[in-house]
Protein backbone atom coordinates (compact mmCIF):
# COMPACT_ATOMS: atom_id res chain seq x y z
CA MET A 1 93.81 87.37 77.28
CA THR A 2 90.65 84.87 78.48
CA THR A 3 89.40 86.20 81.87
CA THR A 4 88.42 82.84 83.93
CA HIS A 5 87.12 84.56 86.84
CA GLU A 6 87.46 87.64 89.06
CA GLY A 7 90.92 89.47 88.68
CA HIS A 8 92.63 85.99 87.10
CA THR A 9 93.32 86.04 83.49
CA GLU A 10 94.73 83.09 81.30
CA ARG A 11 96.62 83.79 78.20
CA THR A 12 94.91 81.68 75.28
CA GLY A 13 98.09 82.06 72.97
CA PRO A 14 101.21 80.50 72.88
CA VAL A 15 103.61 82.07 75.42
CA ALA A 16 107.34 81.85 75.53
CA VAL A 17 109.34 79.11 77.32
CA PRO A 18 112.82 78.48 77.86
CA PRO A 19 114.95 77.11 74.99
CA ILE A 20 115.00 73.51 75.00
CA THR A 21 118.77 71.96 75.48
CA ASP A 22 120.59 68.67 76.26
CA ARG A 23 121.39 67.81 79.68
CA GLU A 24 125.02 68.62 79.24
CA ALA A 25 124.57 72.01 77.77
CA TRP A 26 121.78 72.86 80.56
CA GLN A 27 124.46 71.74 83.22
CA ALA A 28 126.86 73.91 81.79
CA ALA A 29 124.59 76.70 81.99
CA ARG A 30 123.21 75.86 85.47
CA ASP A 31 126.79 75.56 86.55
CA GLU A 32 127.54 79.35 84.88
CA LEU A 33 124.68 80.73 87.01
CA LEU A 34 125.70 79.01 90.16
CA VAL A 35 128.88 80.96 90.40
CA ARG A 36 127.10 84.20 90.43
CA GLU A 37 124.78 82.56 93.39
CA LYS A 38 127.56 81.48 95.58
CA ALA A 39 128.94 85.18 95.50
CA HIS A 40 125.21 86.35 96.31
CA THR A 41 125.60 83.84 99.27
CA ARG A 42 128.77 85.03 100.24
CA GLU A 43 127.93 88.75 99.88
CA GLY A 44 124.79 87.89 102.48
CA ASP A 45 127.22 86.51 104.58
CA ALA A 46 129.24 89.54 104.95
CA ILE A 47 126.15 91.91 105.60
CA ALA A 48 124.85 89.07 108.14
CA ALA A 49 128.52 89.54 109.79
CA ALA A 50 128.00 93.45 109.62
CA ARG A 51 124.66 93.49 111.05
CA ARG A 52 126.18 91.34 114.17
CA ARG A 53 128.59 94.71 114.90
CA LEU A 54 125.68 96.86 114.61
CA PRO A 55 125.17 99.16 117.63
CA MET A 56 122.04 98.93 119.73
CA THR A 57 119.96 101.29 121.78
CA GLU A 58 117.94 101.06 125.12
CA VAL A 59 114.40 100.88 125.10
CA ASP A 60 111.78 100.91 128.16
CA GLY A 61 111.55 97.11 129.12
CA THR A 62 108.46 97.96 131.16
CA ALA A 63 106.26 99.17 128.38
CA VAL A 64 102.54 97.03 128.64
CA VAL A 65 101.24 94.86 125.65
CA VAL A 66 97.93 93.14 126.55
CA GLY A 67 98.17 89.30 125.54
CA PRO A 68 96.12 86.22 126.13
CA GLU A 69 96.66 86.56 130.08
CA GLY A 70 96.21 89.94 130.05
CA PRO A 71 98.68 92.72 130.98
CA THR A 72 102.44 92.04 130.56
CA THR A 73 105.89 93.69 129.95
CA LEU A 74 108.01 93.60 127.08
CA LEU A 75 110.86 92.40 129.53
CA ASP A 76 108.20 89.67 130.58
CA LEU A 77 108.01 88.71 126.93
CA PHE A 78 111.79 87.18 126.91
CA GLU A 79 110.82 84.55 129.61
CA GLY A 80 114.12 84.89 130.89
CA ARG A 81 115.88 84.61 127.39
CA GLU A 82 118.74 86.76 126.04
CA GLU A 83 116.77 87.70 122.89
CA LEU A 84 113.16 88.44 121.49
CA ILE A 85 112.06 88.74 117.79
CA VAL A 86 108.82 90.80 117.60
CA TYR A 87 106.58 90.97 114.22
CA LYS A 88 104.35 93.83 114.02
CA HIS A 89 101.44 92.81 112.24
CA MET A 90 99.19 95.46 110.64
CA TRP A 91 96.19 95.71 111.54
CA HIS A 92 92.61 97.11 110.11
CA LEU A 93 90.09 98.08 113.06
CA GLY A 94 86.95 96.69 113.04
CA GLU A 95 87.38 94.93 108.83
CA PRO A 96 86.53 91.24 109.08
CA PHE A 97 89.44 88.75 108.94
CA GLU A 98 89.34 88.53 104.83
CA ASN A 99 90.23 92.23 104.65
CA GLN A 100 93.36 91.99 106.93
CA CYS A 101 96.75 92.71 105.45
CA PRO A 102 97.94 89.93 102.85
CA GLY A 103 101.40 90.69 102.92
CA CYS A 104 101.74 90.61 106.85
CA THR A 105 99.49 87.32 106.87
CA MET A 106 102.35 85.91 104.14
CA THR A 107 105.03 87.52 106.30
CA TYR A 108 104.38 85.52 109.63
CA TYR A 109 102.30 82.67 108.57
CA ALA A 110 105.51 80.47 107.47
CA VAL A 111 107.42 81.65 110.88
CA GLN A 112 104.47 81.28 113.41
CA ASP A 113 105.91 78.23 115.40
CA PRO A 114 109.33 79.59 117.16
CA ALA A 115 110.14 76.46 117.75
CA TYR A 116 113.80 76.59 116.56
CA LEU A 117 114.00 80.36 117.81
CA ARG A 118 113.43 79.12 121.16
CA ALA A 119 115.96 76.16 121.17
CA ARG A 120 118.77 79.00 120.39
CA GLY A 121 117.21 81.02 123.25
CA VAL A 122 115.26 83.56 121.03
CA SER A 123 111.46 84.46 122.47
CA PHE A 124 108.99 85.48 119.95
CA ALA A 125 105.84 87.61 120.02
CA VAL A 126 103.74 89.47 117.53
CA PHE A 127 102.25 92.81 118.06
CA ALA A 128 99.29 94.38 116.59
CA LYS A 129 97.15 97.53 116.92
CA ALA A 130 93.84 96.67 117.94
CA PRO A 131 92.12 95.60 121.26
CA TYR A 132 92.82 91.83 122.16
CA ALA A 133 89.50 91.04 122.33
CA GLU A 134 89.54 91.72 118.39
CA LEU A 135 92.67 89.91 117.55
CA ALA A 136 91.57 87.17 119.78
CA PRO A 137 89.06 85.70 117.39
CA PHE A 138 91.15 85.99 114.38
CA VAL A 139 94.28 84.38 116.10
CA GLU A 140 91.63 81.23 117.00
CA PHE A 141 90.44 81.29 113.39
CA MET A 142 93.89 81.21 112.02
CA GLY A 143 94.94 78.56 114.42
CA TYR A 144 97.73 80.96 115.27
CA PRO A 145 100.28 79.93 118.57
CA GLN A 146 99.29 82.42 121.73
CA ASP A 147 101.86 84.51 120.54
CA TRP A 148 100.14 87.77 120.05
CA TYR A 149 100.26 90.89 121.59
CA SER A 150 97.82 93.86 121.72
CA VAL A 151 99.65 97.20 121.55
CA PHE A 152 96.36 99.46 121.05
CA ASP A 153 96.27 101.36 124.51
CA SER A 154 100.35 101.98 124.27
CA ASP A 155 101.90 105.06 123.61
CA ASP A 156 105.41 103.65 123.72
CA GLU A 157 107.17 104.34 120.43
CA THR A 158 108.88 100.89 120.55
CA VAL A 159 106.33 98.70 120.86
CA SER A 160 103.38 100.79 118.90
CA GLY A 161 105.29 103.07 116.94
CA ASP A 162 106.94 103.20 113.52
CA ASP A 163 105.71 101.26 110.42
CA PHE A 164 103.89 97.70 110.94
CA GLY A 165 104.80 95.24 108.66
CA THR A 166 108.16 95.10 110.33
CA TRP A 167 110.28 92.71 112.14
CA VAL A 168 112.01 94.14 115.44
CA CYS A 169 114.59 92.55 117.43
CA PHE A 170 115.47 92.76 121.10
CA LEU A 171 118.76 91.89 123.43
CA ARG A 172 118.27 91.47 126.97
CA ARG A 173 120.86 92.05 129.67
CA GLY A 174 119.60 91.99 133.19
CA ASP A 175 116.43 94.16 133.37
CA GLN A 176 117.45 96.24 130.50
CA VAL A 177 116.25 95.67 126.80
CA PHE A 178 118.30 97.35 123.85
CA LEU A 179 116.91 97.51 119.95
CA THR A 180 119.41 95.88 117.72
CA ASN A 181 117.87 95.97 114.48
CA SER A 182 114.44 96.41 112.77
CA VAL A 183 113.74 95.05 108.92
CA THR A 184 110.65 96.15 106.91
CA GLY A 185 109.85 96.57 103.35
CA ARG A 186 111.50 93.78 101.34
CA GLY A 187 113.31 93.24 103.72
CA ALA A 188 110.63 91.12 105.40
CA GLU A 189 110.55 88.69 102.53
CA SER A 190 113.47 86.65 104.26
CA THR A 191 110.04 85.51 106.04
CA MET A 192 108.29 84.18 102.96
CA PRO A 193 109.71 81.30 101.62
CA ALA A 194 107.13 81.11 99.08
CA LEU A 195 108.51 83.97 96.98
CA ALA A 196 111.92 82.51 97.48
CA LEU A 197 110.87 79.03 95.98
CA LEU A 198 108.95 80.94 93.16
CA ASP A 199 112.21 82.84 92.33
CA MET A 200 113.66 79.48 91.62
CA THR A 201 110.92 78.73 89.24
CA ALA A 202 110.82 79.30 85.24
CA ARG A 203 108.14 82.05 85.35
CA GLY A 204 108.89 83.34 88.88
CA ARG A 205 106.34 85.36 91.05
CA MET A 206 104.64 86.71 87.80
CA GLU A 207 104.49 90.03 88.93
CA ALA A 208 105.23 93.26 86.70
CA TRP A 209 108.38 94.88 87.92
CA GLN A 210 110.45 91.77 87.47
CA ASP A 211 112.82 91.51 84.68
CA HIS A 212 111.75 88.15 82.20
CA PRO A 213 112.55 87.21 78.59
CA GLU A 214 110.33 88.43 75.88
CA GLY A 215 107.45 86.83 75.23
CA TRP A 216 106.55 85.76 78.66
CA PRO A 217 103.15 85.61 80.51
CA GLU A 218 102.15 89.55 81.64
CA GLY A 219 103.03 90.00 85.24
CA LYS A 220 100.77 91.65 87.23
CA ALA A 221 100.84 94.27 90.46
CA PRO A 222 103.25 92.99 93.23
CA GLY A 223 100.94 90.72 95.80
CA TRP A 224 98.60 89.42 93.47
CA PHE A 225 98.80 85.89 94.22
CA TRP A 226 98.55 86.84 98.00
CA ARG A 227 94.82 87.01 98.08
CA ALA A 228 92.91 83.76 96.26
CA ASP A 229 89.11 82.92 95.77
CA GLU A 230 87.84 79.50 96.55
CA ASP A 231 90.06 77.59 94.21
CA GLY A 232 92.79 78.63 95.54
CA VAL A 233 94.17 81.22 92.71
CA GLY A 234 95.66 84.26 93.11
CA ASN A 235 93.21 87.28 92.25
CA SER A 236 93.97 90.47 92.94
CA TRP A 237 94.52 92.86 96.34
CA ASN A 238 91.11 93.51 97.00
CA GLY A 239 89.52 90.41 95.97
CA GLY A 240 89.08 86.86 97.70
CA ARG A 241 90.84 86.62 101.42
CA PRO A 242 94.61 86.25 102.29
CA ALA A 243 95.52 82.64 100.56
CA VAL A 244 96.26 80.76 103.41
CA GLN A 245 92.81 81.67 105.03
CA TRP A 246 91.23 79.03 102.88
CA THR A 247 92.72 76.34 104.79
CA ARG A 248 90.90 77.21 108.07
CA PRO A 249 87.96 75.81 109.12
CA GLY A 250 84.60 78.31 108.62
CA ALA A 251 86.47 80.37 105.57
CA THR A 252 83.43 80.97 103.41
CA PRO A 253 83.16 82.92 99.94
CA VAL A 254 83.78 86.64 99.98
CA THR A 255 81.14 88.64 98.19
CA ALA A 256 81.85 92.29 97.10
CA GLY A 257 79.13 93.55 99.35
CA GLU A 258 81.11 92.05 102.40
CA HIS A 259 84.24 94.45 101.63
CA HIS A 260 84.99 97.63 103.44
CA HIS A 261 87.00 100.01 101.89
């Protein structure tokens, strides 16, 4: 291995690649895998059908959160629609933008525009455990929609409890609000399309846990490419800044002395 910059290594020797074959043999192998992929899709449909049959439990619709217009309630976030999806975004109090969670950044970034949700009658919001005055500059820097709300002062279990880094789904019946679903951990990968695209490639995500053929490049800790240096190349969990921040106006290099661990 040869180190090219902090946290990123590049193999100098030859590495294995997929076997080379003619187009007909390639198509036959691809069609064989497609049978498994279709079965996987059908099982996903069956799980989604079971999810639609889950019970729901009532929560306090009067729980208060604080957004760009000041305090508002969970019920108000529906904006008259029947359903509401909330992302609970991790937040590290007092830390600079580059130290905020790269996993949550990746989870939320690709779905920040809720236009298609609203077209289906579903409202959208982001909750974070920080005073709104601390969230607002980050939202502006990232160019995010004004869907962010502080739950810093809330003691309501629905809005401020449980693990953050979680998608939560609600349904409204009049003035009553019900919890219908929550998803966290690898379940949140459904809103990380970059991971799905990488899974389509020959090398995959290049994470150490993944099964790969012998001779493939060595994988690293999960999430290593969620942070990047100025060149946009992933490095490590505690280096650089979340990759998409480099596309933001005013993004500057990060030095070791600027991190607070």
